[in-house]
ModelCIF file with pLDDT and N, C-alpha, C, O atoms, coordinates in Angstrom:
data_MODEL
#
_entry.id   MODEL 
#
_entity.id                         1 
_entity.type                       polymer 
_entity.pdbx_number_of_molecules   1 
#
_entity_poly.entity_id                      1 
_entity_poly.type                           'polypeptide(L)' 
_entity_poly.nstd_linkage                   no 
_entity_poly.nstd_monomer                   no 
_entity_poly.pdbx_seq_one_letter_code       TVGLAKLTMGLFWVRPRAFLPVDSRTREYLENNRIEVPSTASWTDY 
_entity_poly.pdbx_seq_one_letter_code_can   TVGLAKLTMGLFWVRPRAFLPVDSRTREYLENNRIEVPSTASWTDY 
_entity_poly.pdbx_strand_id                 A 
#
loop_
_entity_poly_seq.entity_id 
_entity_poly_seq.num 
_entity_poly_seq.mon_id 
_entity_poly_seq.hetero 
1 1  THR n 
1 2  VAL n 
1 3  GLY n 
1 4  LEU n 
1 5  ALA n 
1 6  LYS n 
1 7  LEU n 
1 8  THR n 
1 9  MET n 
1 10 GLY n 
1 11 LEU n 
1 12 PHE n 
1 13 TRP n 
1 14 VAL n 
1 15 ARG n 
1 16 PRO n 
1 17 ARG n 
1 18 ALA n 
1 19 PHE n 
1 20 LEU n 
1 21 PRO n 
1 22 VAL n 
1 23 ASP n 
1 24 SER n 
1 25 ARG n 
1 26 THR n 
1 27 ARG n 
1 28 GLU n 
1 29 TYR n 
1 30 LEU n 
1 31 GLU n 
1 32 ASN n 
1 33 ASN n 
1 34 ARG n 
1 35 ILE n 
1 36 GLU n 
1 37 VAL n 
1 38 PRO n 
1 39 SER n 
1 40 THR n 
1 41 ALA n 
1 42 SER n 
1 43 TRP n 
1 44 THR n 
1 45 ASP n 
1 46 TYR n 
#
_struct_asym.id          A 
_struct_asym.entity_id   1 
#
loop_
_ma_qa_metric.id 
_ma_qa_metric.mode 
_ma_qa_metric.name 
_ma_qa_metric.software_group_id 
_ma_qa_metric.type 
1 global pLDDT . pLDDT 
2 local  pLDDT . pLDDT 
#
_ma_qa_metric_global.metric_id      1 
_ma_qa_metric_global.metric_value   91.74 
_ma_qa_metric_global.model_id       1 
_ma_qa_metric_global.ordinal_id     1 
#
loop_
_ma_qa_metric_local.label_asym_id 
_ma_qa_metric_local.label_comp_id 
_ma_qa_metric_local.label_seq_id 
_ma_qa_metric_local.metric_id 
_ma_qa_metric_local.metric_value 
_ma_qa_metric_local.model_id 
_ma_qa_metric_local.ordinal_id 
A THR 1  2 90.00 1 1  
A VAL 2  2 94.00 1 2  
A GLY 3  2 91.00 1 3  
A LEU 4  2 93.00 1 4  
A ALA 5  2 93.00 1 5  
A LYS 6  2 95.00 1 6  
A LEU 7  2 96.00 1 7  
A THR 8  2 96.00 1 8  
A MET 9  2 96.00 1 9  
A GLY 10 2 97.00 1 10 
A LEU 11 2 98.00 1 11 
A PHE 12 2 97.00 1 12 
A TRP 13 2 97.00 1 13 
A VAL 14 2 97.00 1 14 
A ARG 15 2 97.00 1 15 
A PRO 16 2 96.00 1 16 
A ARG 17 2 95.00 1 17 
A ALA 18 2 96.00 1 18 
A PHE 19 2 97.00 1 19 
A LEU 20 2 96.00 1 20 
A PRO 21 2 96.00 1 21 
A VAL 22 2 94.00 1 22 
A ASP 23 2 91.00 1 23 
A SER 24 2 88.00 1 24 
A ARG 25 2 89.00 1 25 
A THR 26 2 92.00 1 26 
A ARG 27 2 91.00 1 27 
A GLU 28 2 89.00 1 28 
A TYR 29 2 90.00 1 29 
A LEU 30 2 91.00 1 30 
A GLU 31 2 89.00 1 31 
A ASN 32 2 86.00 1 32 
A ASN 33 2 85.00 1 33 
A ARG 34 2 87.00 1 34 
A ILE 35 2 90.00 1 35 
A GLU 36 2 89.00 1 36 
A VAL 37 2 89.00 1 37 
A PRO 38 2 83.00 1 38 
A SER 39 2 73.00 1 39 
A THR 40 2 75.00 1 40 
A ALA 41 2 84.00 1 41 
A SER 42 2 93.00 1 42 
A TRP 43 2 96.00 1 43 
A THR 44 2 94.00 1 44 
A ASP 45 2 94.00 1 45 
A TYR 46 2 95.00 1 46 
#
loop_
_atom_site.group_PDB 
_atom_site.id 
_atom_site.type_symbol 
_atom_site.label_atom_id 
_atom_site.label_alt_id 
_atom_site.label_comp_id 
_atom_site.label_asym_id 
_atom_site.label_entity_id 
_atom_site.label_seq_id 
_atom_site.pdbx_PDB_ins_code 
_atom_site.Cartn_x 
_atom_site.Cartn_y 
_atom_site.Cartn_z 
_atom_site.occupancy 
_atom_site.B_iso_or_equiv 
_atom_site.pdbx_formal_charge 
_atom_site.auth_seq_id 
_atom_site.auth_comp_id 
_atom_site.auth_asym_id 
_atom_site.auth_atom_id 
_atom_site.pdbx_PDB_model_num 
ATOM 1   N N  . THR A 1 1  ? -34.423 -11.515 45.782 1.00 90.00 ? 1  THR A N  1 
ATOM 2   C CA . THR A 1 1  ? -35.368 -10.267 45.961 1.00 90.00 ? 1  THR A CA 1 
ATOM 3   C C  . THR A 1 1  ? -36.644 -9.954  46.949 1.00 90.00 ? 1  THR A C  1 
ATOM 4   O O  . THR A 1 1  ? -37.487 -9.058  46.991 1.00 90.00 ? 1  THR A O  1 
ATOM 5   N N  . VAL A 1 2  ? -36.335 -11.291 47.829 1.00 94.00 ? 2  VAL A N  1 
ATOM 6   C CA . VAL A 1 2  ? -37.360 -10.715 48.756 1.00 94.00 ? 2  VAL A CA 1 
ATOM 7   C C  . VAL A 1 2  ? -36.416 -10.078 50.146 1.00 94.00 ? 2  VAL A C  1 
ATOM 8   O O  . VAL A 1 2  ? -35.297 -10.579 50.031 1.00 94.00 ? 2  VAL A O  1 
ATOM 9   N N  . GLY A 1 3  ? -36.442 -9.500  50.945 1.00 91.00 ? 3  GLY A N  1 
ATOM 10  C CA . GLY A 1 3  ? -35.779 -8.961  52.140 1.00 91.00 ? 3  GLY A CA 1 
ATOM 11  C C  . GLY A 1 3  ? -37.027 -8.589  53.729 1.00 91.00 ? 3  GLY A C  1 
ATOM 12  O O  . GLY A 1 3  ? -38.217 -8.904  53.705 1.00 91.00 ? 3  GLY A O  1 
ATOM 13  N N  . LEU A 1 4  ? -36.472 -8.025  54.700 1.00 93.00 ? 4  LEU A N  1 
ATOM 14  C CA . LEU A 1 4  ? -37.465 -8.087  55.637 1.00 93.00 ? 4  LEU A CA 1 
ATOM 15  C C  . LEU A 1 4  ? -38.710 -7.270  54.940 1.00 93.00 ? 4  LEU A C  1 
ATOM 16  O O  . LEU A 1 4  ? -39.745 -7.793  54.526 1.00 93.00 ? 4  LEU A O  1 
ATOM 17  N N  . ALA A 1 5  ? -38.463 -6.222  54.912 1.00 93.00 ? 5  ALA A N  1 
ATOM 18  C CA . ALA A 1 5  ? -39.617 -5.175  54.779 1.00 93.00 ? 5  ALA A CA 1 
ATOM 19  C C  . ALA A 1 5  ? -41.059 -5.751  53.199 1.00 93.00 ? 5  ALA A C  1 
ATOM 20  O O  . ALA A 1 5  ? -42.276 -5.594  53.098 1.00 93.00 ? 5  ALA A O  1 
ATOM 21  N N  . LYS A 1 6  ? -40.111 -6.335  52.398 1.00 95.00 ? 6  LYS A N  1 
ATOM 22  C CA . LYS A 1 6  ? -41.135 -6.937  51.696 1.00 95.00 ? 6  LYS A CA 1 
ATOM 23  C C  . LYS A 1 6  ? -41.993 -8.017  52.196 1.00 95.00 ? 6  LYS A C  1 
ATOM 24  O O  . LYS A 1 6  ? -43.224 -7.986  52.176 1.00 95.00 ? 6  LYS A O  1 
ATOM 25  N N  . LEU A 1 7  ? -41.153 -9.130  52.719 1.00 96.00 ? 7  LEU A N  1 
ATOM 26  C CA . LEU A 1 7  ? -41.792 -10.360 53.102 1.00 96.00 ? 7  LEU A CA 1 
ATOM 27  C C  . LEU A 1 7  ? -42.448 -9.695  54.438 1.00 96.00 ? 7  LEU A C  1 
ATOM 28  O O  . LEU A 1 7  ? -43.586 -10.162 54.379 1.00 96.00 ? 7  LEU A O  1 
ATOM 29  N N  . THR A 1 8  ? -42.421 -9.125  55.259 1.00 96.00 ? 8  THR A N  1 
ATOM 30  C CA . THR A 1 8  ? -43.239 -8.716  56.018 1.00 96.00 ? 8  THR A CA 1 
ATOM 31  C C  . THR A 1 8  ? -44.418 -8.079  55.860 1.00 96.00 ? 8  THR A C  1 
ATOM 32  O O  . THR A 1 8  ? -45.479 -8.079  56.485 1.00 96.00 ? 8  THR A O  1 
ATOM 33  N N  . MET A 1 9  ? -43.872 -7.349  54.561 1.00 96.00 ? 9  MET A N  1 
ATOM 34  C CA . MET A 1 9  ? -45.924 -6.710  54.205 1.00 96.00 ? 9  MET A CA 1 
ATOM 35  C C  . MET A 1 9  ? -46.544 -7.826  53.412 1.00 96.00 ? 9  MET A C  1 
ATOM 36  O O  . MET A 1 9  ? -47.771 -7.854  53.309 1.00 96.00 ? 9  MET A O  1 
ATOM 37  N N  . GLY A 1 10 ? -45.873 -8.660  52.898 1.00 97.00 ? 10 GLY A N  1 
ATOM 38  C CA . GLY A 1 10 ? -46.827 -10.007 52.336 1.00 97.00 ? 10 GLY A CA 1 
ATOM 39  C C  . GLY A 1 10 ? -46.955 -10.774 53.531 1.00 97.00 ? 10 GLY A C  1 
ATOM 40  O O  . GLY A 1 10 ? -47.742 -11.711 53.393 1.00 97.00 ? 10 GLY A O  1 
ATOM 41  N N  . LEU A 1 11 ? -46.351 -10.662 54.844 1.00 98.00 ? 11 LEU A N  1 
ATOM 42  C CA . LEU A 1 11 ? -47.302 -11.787 55.700 1.00 98.00 ? 11 LEU A CA 1 
ATOM 43  C C  . LEU A 1 11 ? -48.172 -10.377 56.244 1.00 98.00 ? 11 LEU A C  1 
ATOM 44  O O  . LEU A 1 11 ? -49.357 -10.630 56.458 1.00 98.00 ? 11 LEU A O  1 
ATOM 45  N N  . PHE A 1 12 ? -47.857 -9.258  56.442 1.00 97.00 ? 12 PHE A N  1 
ATOM 46  C CA . PHE A 1 12 ? -49.220 -8.235  57.025 1.00 97.00 ? 12 PHE A CA 1 
ATOM 47  C C  . PHE A 1 12 ? -50.493 -8.571  56.242 1.00 97.00 ? 12 PHE A C  1 
ATOM 48  O O  . PHE A 1 12 ? -51.604 -8.823  56.709 1.00 97.00 ? 12 PHE A O  1 
ATOM 49  N N  . TRP A 1 13 ? -50.081 -8.521  54.846 1.00 97.00 ? 13 TRP A N  1 
ATOM 50  C CA . TRP A 1 13 ? -51.698 -8.186  53.497 1.00 97.00 ? 13 TRP A CA 1 
ATOM 51  C C  . TRP A 1 13 ? -52.309 -9.890  54.017 1.00 97.00 ? 13 TRP A C  1 
ATOM 52  O O  . TRP A 1 13 ? -53.479 -10.266 54.078 1.00 97.00 ? 13 TRP A O  1 
ATOM 53  N N  . VAL A 1 14 ? -51.255 -10.541 54.281 1.00 97.00 ? 14 VAL A N  1 
ATOM 54  C CA . VAL A 1 14 ? -52.212 -12.265 54.150 1.00 97.00 ? 14 VAL A CA 1 
ATOM 55  C C  . VAL A 1 14 ? -52.854 -12.406 55.731 1.00 97.00 ? 14 VAL A C  1 
ATOM 56  O O  . VAL A 1 14 ? -53.572 -13.330 56.113 1.00 97.00 ? 14 VAL A O  1 
ATOM 57  N N  . ARG A 1 15 ? -52.556 -11.638 56.265 1.00 97.00 ? 15 ARG A N  1 
ATOM 58  C CA . ARG A 1 15 ? -52.868 -11.447 58.109 1.00 97.00 ? 15 ARG A CA 1 
ATOM 59  C C  . ARG A 1 15 ? -52.639 -10.966 58.828 1.00 97.00 ? 15 ARG A C  1 
ATOM 60  O O  . ARG A 1 15 ? -52.128 -11.359 59.876 1.00 97.00 ? 15 ARG A O  1 
ATOM 61  N N  . PRO A 1 16 ? -53.072 -9.465  58.376 1.00 96.00 ? 16 PRO A N  1 
ATOM 62  C CA . PRO A 1 16 ? -53.133 -8.051  59.319 1.00 96.00 ? 16 PRO A CA 1 
ATOM 63  C C  . PRO A 1 16 ? -53.275 -7.723  60.408 1.00 96.00 ? 16 PRO A C  1 
ATOM 64  O O  . PRO A 1 16 ? -52.876 -6.675  60.916 1.00 96.00 ? 16 PRO A O  1 
ATOM 65  N N  . ARG A 1 17 ? -54.206 -9.080  61.190 1.00 95.00 ? 17 ARG A N  1 
ATOM 66  C CA . ARG A 1 17 ? -53.970 -8.763  62.618 1.00 95.00 ? 17 ARG A CA 1 
ATOM 67  C C  . ARG A 1 17 ? -53.045 -9.186  63.348 1.00 95.00 ? 17 ARG A C  1 
ATOM 68  O O  . ARG A 1 17 ? -52.941 -8.643  64.448 1.00 95.00 ? 17 ARG A O  1 
ATOM 69  N N  . ALA A 1 18 ? -52.023 -10.338 62.972 1.00 96.00 ? 18 ALA A N  1 
ATOM 70  C CA . ALA A 1 18 ? -50.886 -11.008 63.326 1.00 96.00 ? 18 ALA A CA 1 
ATOM 71  C C  . ALA A 1 18 ? -49.600 -10.603 62.988 1.00 96.00 ? 18 ALA A C  1 
ATOM 72  O O  . ALA A 1 18 ? -48.562 -10.932 63.561 1.00 96.00 ? 18 ALA A O  1 
ATOM 73  N N  . PHE A 1 19 ? -49.740 -9.777  61.902 1.00 97.00 ? 19 PHE A N  1 
ATOM 74  C CA . PHE A 1 19 ? -48.244 -9.078  61.465 1.00 97.00 ? 19 PHE A CA 1 
ATOM 75  C C  . PHE A 1 19 ? -47.843 -7.815  61.340 1.00 97.00 ? 19 PHE A C  1 
ATOM 76  O O  . PHE A 1 19 ? -48.539 -6.845  61.040 1.00 97.00 ? 19 PHE A O  1 
ATOM 77  N N  . LEU A 1 20 ? -46.687 -7.848  61.581 1.00 96.00 ? 20 LEU A N  1 
ATOM 78  C CA . LEU A 1 20 ? -46.445 -5.894  61.897 1.00 96.00 ? 20 LEU A CA 1 
ATOM 79  C C  . LEU A 1 20 ? -45.577 -5.751  60.338 1.00 96.00 ? 20 LEU A C  1 
ATOM 80  O O  . LEU A 1 20 ? -44.600 -6.487  60.198 1.00 96.00 ? 20 LEU A O  1 
ATOM 81  N N  . PRO A 1 21 ? -45.893 -4.955  59.379 1.00 96.00 ? 21 PRO A N  1 
ATOM 82  C CA . PRO A 1 21 ? -45.466 -4.713  58.134 1.00 96.00 ? 21 PRO A CA 1 
ATOM 83  C C  . PRO A 1 21 ? -43.874 -3.924  58.568 1.00 96.00 ? 21 PRO A C  1 
ATOM 84  O O  . PRO A 1 21 ? -44.199 -2.919  59.199 1.00 96.00 ? 21 PRO A O  1 
ATOM 85  N N  . VAL A 1 22 ? -42.673 -3.971  58.500 1.00 94.00 ? 22 VAL A N  1 
ATOM 86  C CA . VAL A 1 22 ? -41.658 -3.394  58.608 1.00 94.00 ? 22 VAL A CA 1 
ATOM 87  C C  . VAL A 1 22 ? -40.715 -2.876  57.433 1.00 94.00 ? 22 VAL A C  1 
ATOM 88  O O  . VAL A 1 22 ? -39.582 -3.191  57.066 1.00 94.00 ? 22 VAL A O  1 
ATOM 89  N N  . ASP A 1 23 ? -41.849 -1.764  56.909 1.00 91.00 ? 23 ASP A N  1 
ATOM 90  C CA . ASP A 1 23 ? -41.421 -1.028  55.201 1.00 91.00 ? 23 ASP A CA 1 
ATOM 91  C C  . ASP A 1 23 ? -40.605 -0.099  55.607 1.00 91.00 ? 23 ASP A C  1 
ATOM 92  O O  . ASP A 1 23 ? -40.733 -0.055  56.830 1.00 91.00 ? 23 ASP A O  1 
ATOM 93  N N  . SER A 1 24 ? -40.108 0.399   55.385 1.00 88.00 ? 24 SER A N  1 
ATOM 94  C CA . SER A 1 24 ? -39.503 1.682   55.417 1.00 88.00 ? 24 SER A CA 1 
ATOM 95  C C  . SER A 1 24 ? -40.350 2.832   56.378 1.00 88.00 ? 24 SER A C  1 
ATOM 96  O O  . SER A 1 24 ? -40.384 3.082   57.582 1.00 88.00 ? 24 SER A O  1 
ATOM 97  N N  . ARG A 1 25 ? -40.921 3.307   55.318 1.00 89.00 ? 25 ARG A N  1 
ATOM 98  C CA . ARG A 1 25 ? -42.386 4.407   56.629 1.00 89.00 ? 25 ARG A CA 1 
ATOM 99  C C  . ARG A 1 25 ? -42.462 3.858   57.861 1.00 89.00 ? 25 ARG A C  1 
ATOM 100 O O  . ARG A 1 25 ? -42.204 4.610   58.801 1.00 89.00 ? 25 ARG A O  1 
ATOM 101 N N  . THR A 1 26 ? -42.912 2.118   58.222 1.00 92.00 ? 26 THR A N  1 
ATOM 102 C CA . THR A 1 26 ? -43.522 1.733   59.648 1.00 92.00 ? 26 THR A CA 1 
ATOM 103 C C  . THR A 1 26 ? -41.945 1.100   59.699 1.00 92.00 ? 26 THR A C  1 
ATOM 104 O O  . THR A 1 26 ? -42.020 -0.084  60.030 1.00 92.00 ? 26 THR A O  1 
ATOM 105 N N  . ARG A 1 27 ? -40.694 1.479   59.497 1.00 91.00 ? 27 ARG A N  1 
ATOM 106 C CA . ARG A 1 27 ? -39.617 1.968   60.315 1.00 91.00 ? 27 ARG A CA 1 
ATOM 107 C C  . ARG A 1 27 ? -38.962 3.146   60.707 1.00 91.00 ? 27 ARG A C  1 
ATOM 108 O O  . ARG A 1 27 ? -37.859 3.212   61.250 1.00 91.00 ? 27 ARG A O  1 
ATOM 109 N N  . GLU A 1 28 ? -39.695 4.060   60.404 1.00 89.00 ? 28 GLU A N  1 
ATOM 110 C CA . GLU A 1 28 ? -39.276 5.129   60.708 1.00 89.00 ? 28 GLU A CA 1 
ATOM 111 C C  . GLU A 1 28 ? -40.064 5.863   61.105 1.00 89.00 ? 28 GLU A C  1 
ATOM 112 O O  . GLU A 1 28 ? -39.639 6.899   61.616 1.00 89.00 ? 28 GLU A O  1 
ATOM 113 N N  . TYR A 1 29 ? -41.202 5.688   61.052 1.00 90.00 ? 29 TYR A N  1 
ATOM 114 C CA . TYR A 1 29 ? -42.111 5.744   62.140 1.00 90.00 ? 29 TYR A CA 1 
ATOM 115 C C  . TYR A 1 29 ? -41.844 4.614   63.947 1.00 90.00 ? 29 TYR A C  1 
ATOM 116 O O  . TYR A 1 29 ? -42.021 4.800   65.151 1.00 90.00 ? 29 TYR A O  1 
ATOM 117 N N  . LEU A 1 30 ? -41.606 4.087   63.517 1.00 91.00 ? 30 LEU A N  1 
ATOM 118 C CA . LEU A 1 30 ? -41.159 2.944   64.578 1.00 91.00 ? 30 LEU A CA 1 
ATOM 119 C C  . LEU A 1 30 ? -39.708 3.856   65.470 1.00 91.00 ? 30 LEU A C  1 
ATOM 120 O O  . LEU A 1 30 ? -39.440 4.101   66.647 1.00 91.00 ? 30 LEU A O  1 
ATOM 121 N N  . GLU A 1 31 ? -39.295 4.032   64.617 1.00 89.00 ? 31 GLU A N  1 
ATOM 122 C CA . GLU A 1 31 ? -37.803 4.951   65.461 1.00 89.00 ? 31 GLU A CA 1 
ATOM 123 C C  . GLU A 1 31 ? -37.734 5.936   65.558 1.00 89.00 ? 31 GLU A C  1 
ATOM 124 O O  . GLU A 1 31 ? -36.699 6.548   65.821 1.00 89.00 ? 31 GLU A O  1 
ATOM 125 N N  . ASN A 1 32 ? -39.486 6.692   65.264 1.00 86.00 ? 32 ASN A N  1 
ATOM 126 C CA . ASN A 1 32 ? -39.739 8.116   66.007 1.00 86.00 ? 32 ASN A CA 1 
ATOM 127 C C  . ASN A 1 32 ? -40.228 7.802   67.181 1.00 86.00 ? 32 ASN A C  1 
ATOM 128 O O  . ASN A 1 32 ? -40.030 8.541   68.145 1.00 86.00 ? 32 ASN A O  1 
ATOM 129 N N  . ASN A 1 33 ? -41.135 6.353   67.309 1.00 85.00 ? 33 ASN A N  1 
ATOM 130 C CA . ASN A 1 33 ? -41.203 6.255   68.546 1.00 85.00 ? 33 ASN A CA 1 
ATOM 131 C C  . ASN A 1 33 ? -40.661 5.544   69.713 1.00 85.00 ? 33 ASN A C  1 
ATOM 132 O O  . ASN A 1 33 ? -41.195 4.946   70.647 1.00 85.00 ? 33 ASN A O  1 
ATOM 133 N N  . ARG A 1 34 ? -39.360 5.800   69.362 1.00 87.00 ? 34 ARG A N  1 
ATOM 134 C CA . ARG A 1 34 ? -38.052 5.409   70.357 1.00 87.00 ? 34 ARG A CA 1 
ATOM 135 C C  . ARG A 1 34 ? -37.889 3.704   70.631 1.00 87.00 ? 34 ARG A C  1 
ATOM 136 O O  . ARG A 1 34 ? -37.470 3.212   71.679 1.00 87.00 ? 34 ARG A O  1 
ATOM 137 N N  . ILE A 1 35 ? -38.450 2.744   69.088 1.00 90.00 ? 35 ILE A N  1 
ATOM 138 C CA . ILE A 1 35 ? -38.387 1.392   68.798 1.00 90.00 ? 35 ILE A CA 1 
ATOM 139 C C  . ILE A 1 35 ? -37.441 1.571   68.394 1.00 90.00 ? 35 ILE A C  1 
ATOM 140 O O  . ILE A 1 35 ? -37.130 2.568   67.742 1.00 90.00 ? 35 ILE A O  1 
ATOM 141 N N  . GLU A 1 36 ? -36.691 0.592   68.692 1.00 89.00 ? 36 GLU A N  1 
ATOM 142 C CA . GLU A 1 36 ? -35.496 0.356   67.539 1.00 89.00 ? 36 GLU A CA 1 
ATOM 143 C C  . GLU A 1 36 ? -35.564 -0.484  66.901 1.00 89.00 ? 36 GLU A C  1 
ATOM 144 O O  . GLU A 1 36 ? -35.734 -1.441  67.657 1.00 89.00 ? 36 GLU A O  1 
ATOM 145 N N  . VAL A 1 37 ? -35.534 -1.012  65.340 1.00 89.00 ? 37 VAL A N  1 
ATOM 146 C CA . VAL A 1 37 ? -35.176 -1.530  64.746 1.00 89.00 ? 37 VAL A CA 1 
ATOM 147 C C  . VAL A 1 37 ? -34.017 -2.180  64.252 1.00 89.00 ? 37 VAL A C  1 
ATOM 148 O O  . VAL A 1 37 ? -32.933 -1.689  63.937 1.00 89.00 ? 37 VAL A O  1 
ATOM 149 N N  . PRO A 1 38 ? -34.567 -3.842  64.220 1.00 83.00 ? 38 PRO A N  1 
ATOM 150 C CA . PRO A 1 38 ? -32.782 -4.301  64.760 1.00 83.00 ? 38 PRO A CA 1 
ATOM 151 C C  . PRO A 1 38 ? -32.393 -4.363  63.138 1.00 83.00 ? 38 PRO A C  1 
ATOM 152 O O  . PRO A 1 38 ? -33.158 -4.593  62.202 1.00 83.00 ? 38 PRO A O  1 
ATOM 153 N N  . SER A 1 39 ? -31.180 -4.128  63.108 1.00 73.00 ? 39 SER A N  1 
ATOM 154 C CA . SER A 1 39 ? -30.498 -3.933  61.815 1.00 73.00 ? 39 SER A CA 1 
ATOM 155 C C  . SER A 1 39 ? -30.129 -5.594  61.353 1.00 73.00 ? 39 SER A C  1 
ATOM 156 O O  . SER A 1 39 ? -29.558 -5.629  60.263 1.00 73.00 ? 39 SER A O  1 
ATOM 157 N N  . THR A 1 40 ? -30.211 -6.097  61.586 1.00 75.00 ? 40 THR A N  1 
ATOM 158 C CA . THR A 1 40 ? -30.012 -7.977  61.212 1.00 75.00 ? 40 THR A CA 1 
ATOM 159 C C  . THR A 1 40 ? -31.100 -8.559  61.175 1.00 75.00 ? 40 THR A C  1 
ATOM 160 O O  . THR A 1 40 ? -31.968 -8.248  61.990 1.00 75.00 ? 40 THR A O  1 
ATOM 161 N N  . ALA A 1 41 ? -31.298 -9.426  60.337 1.00 84.00 ? 41 ALA A N  1 
ATOM 162 C CA . ALA A 1 41 ? -33.027 -9.593  60.063 1.00 84.00 ? 41 ALA A CA 1 
ATOM 163 C C  . ALA A 1 41 ? -33.257 -11.028 60.129 1.00 84.00 ? 41 ALA A C  1 
ATOM 164 O O  . ALA A 1 41 ? -32.516 -11.479 59.256 1.00 84.00 ? 41 ALA A O  1 
ATOM 165 N N  . SER A 1 42 ? -33.804 -11.891 60.618 1.00 93.00 ? 42 SER A N  1 
ATOM 166 C CA . SER A 1 42 ? -34.295 -13.012 61.460 1.00 93.00 ? 42 SER A CA 1 
ATOM 167 C C  . SER A 1 42 ? -35.478 -13.065 61.685 1.00 93.00 ? 42 SER A C  1 
ATOM 168 O O  . SER A 1 42 ? -36.266 -12.121 61.624 1.00 93.00 ? 42 SER A O  1 
ATOM 169 N N  . TRP A 1 43 ? -35.778 -14.493 62.048 1.00 96.00 ? 43 TRP A N  1 
ATOM 170 C CA . TRP A 1 43 ? -37.372 -14.825 62.517 1.00 96.00 ? 43 TRP A CA 1 
ATOM 171 C C  . TRP A 1 43 ? -37.381 -14.375 64.080 1.00 96.00 ? 43 TRP A C  1 
ATOM 172 O O  . TRP A 1 43 ? -38.296 -13.667 64.502 1.00 96.00 ? 43 TRP A O  1 
ATOM 173 N N  . THR A 1 44 ? -36.524 -14.733 64.758 1.00 94.00 ? 44 THR A N  1 
ATOM 174 C CA . THR A 1 44 ? -35.784 -14.268 66.033 1.00 94.00 ? 44 THR A CA 1 
ATOM 175 C C  . THR A 1 44 ? -35.991 -12.676 66.441 1.00 94.00 ? 44 THR A C  1 
ATOM 176 O O  . THR A 1 44 ? -36.570 -12.311 67.464 1.00 94.00 ? 44 THR A O  1 
ATOM 177 N N  . ASP A 1 45 ? -35.436 -11.839 65.497 1.00 94.00 ? 45 ASP A N  1 
ATOM 178 C CA . ASP A 1 45 ? -35.181 -10.546 65.544 1.00 94.00 ? 45 ASP A CA 1 
ATOM 179 C C  . ASP A 1 45 ? -36.431 -10.426 65.436 1.00 94.00 ? 45 ASP A C  1 
ATOM 180 O O  . ASP A 1 45 ? -37.026 -10.474 66.513 1.00 94.00 ? 45 ASP A O  1 
ATOM 181 N N  . TYR A 1 46 ? -37.241 -10.245 64.255 1.00 95.00 ? 46 TYR A N  1 
ATOM 182 C CA . TYR A 1 46 ? -39.023 -9.972  63.861 1.00 95.00 ? 46 TYR A CA 1 
ATOM 183 C C  . TYR A 1 46 ? -39.077 -10.222 64.946 1.00 95.00 ? 46 TYR A C  1 
ATOM 184 O O  . TYR A 1 46 ? -40.166 -10.247 65.519 1.00 95.00 ? 46 TYR A O  1 
#
């Protein structure tokens, strides 16, 4: 029941100064700013 969006949201909650949330709205915002979000998910990708 986890995934990149949910897991990074949780990390953002506990350490918001250190971890970027990659939920759907942030993903869209990043892509609008020409920052490609990887289709694969791993710690290296993140």
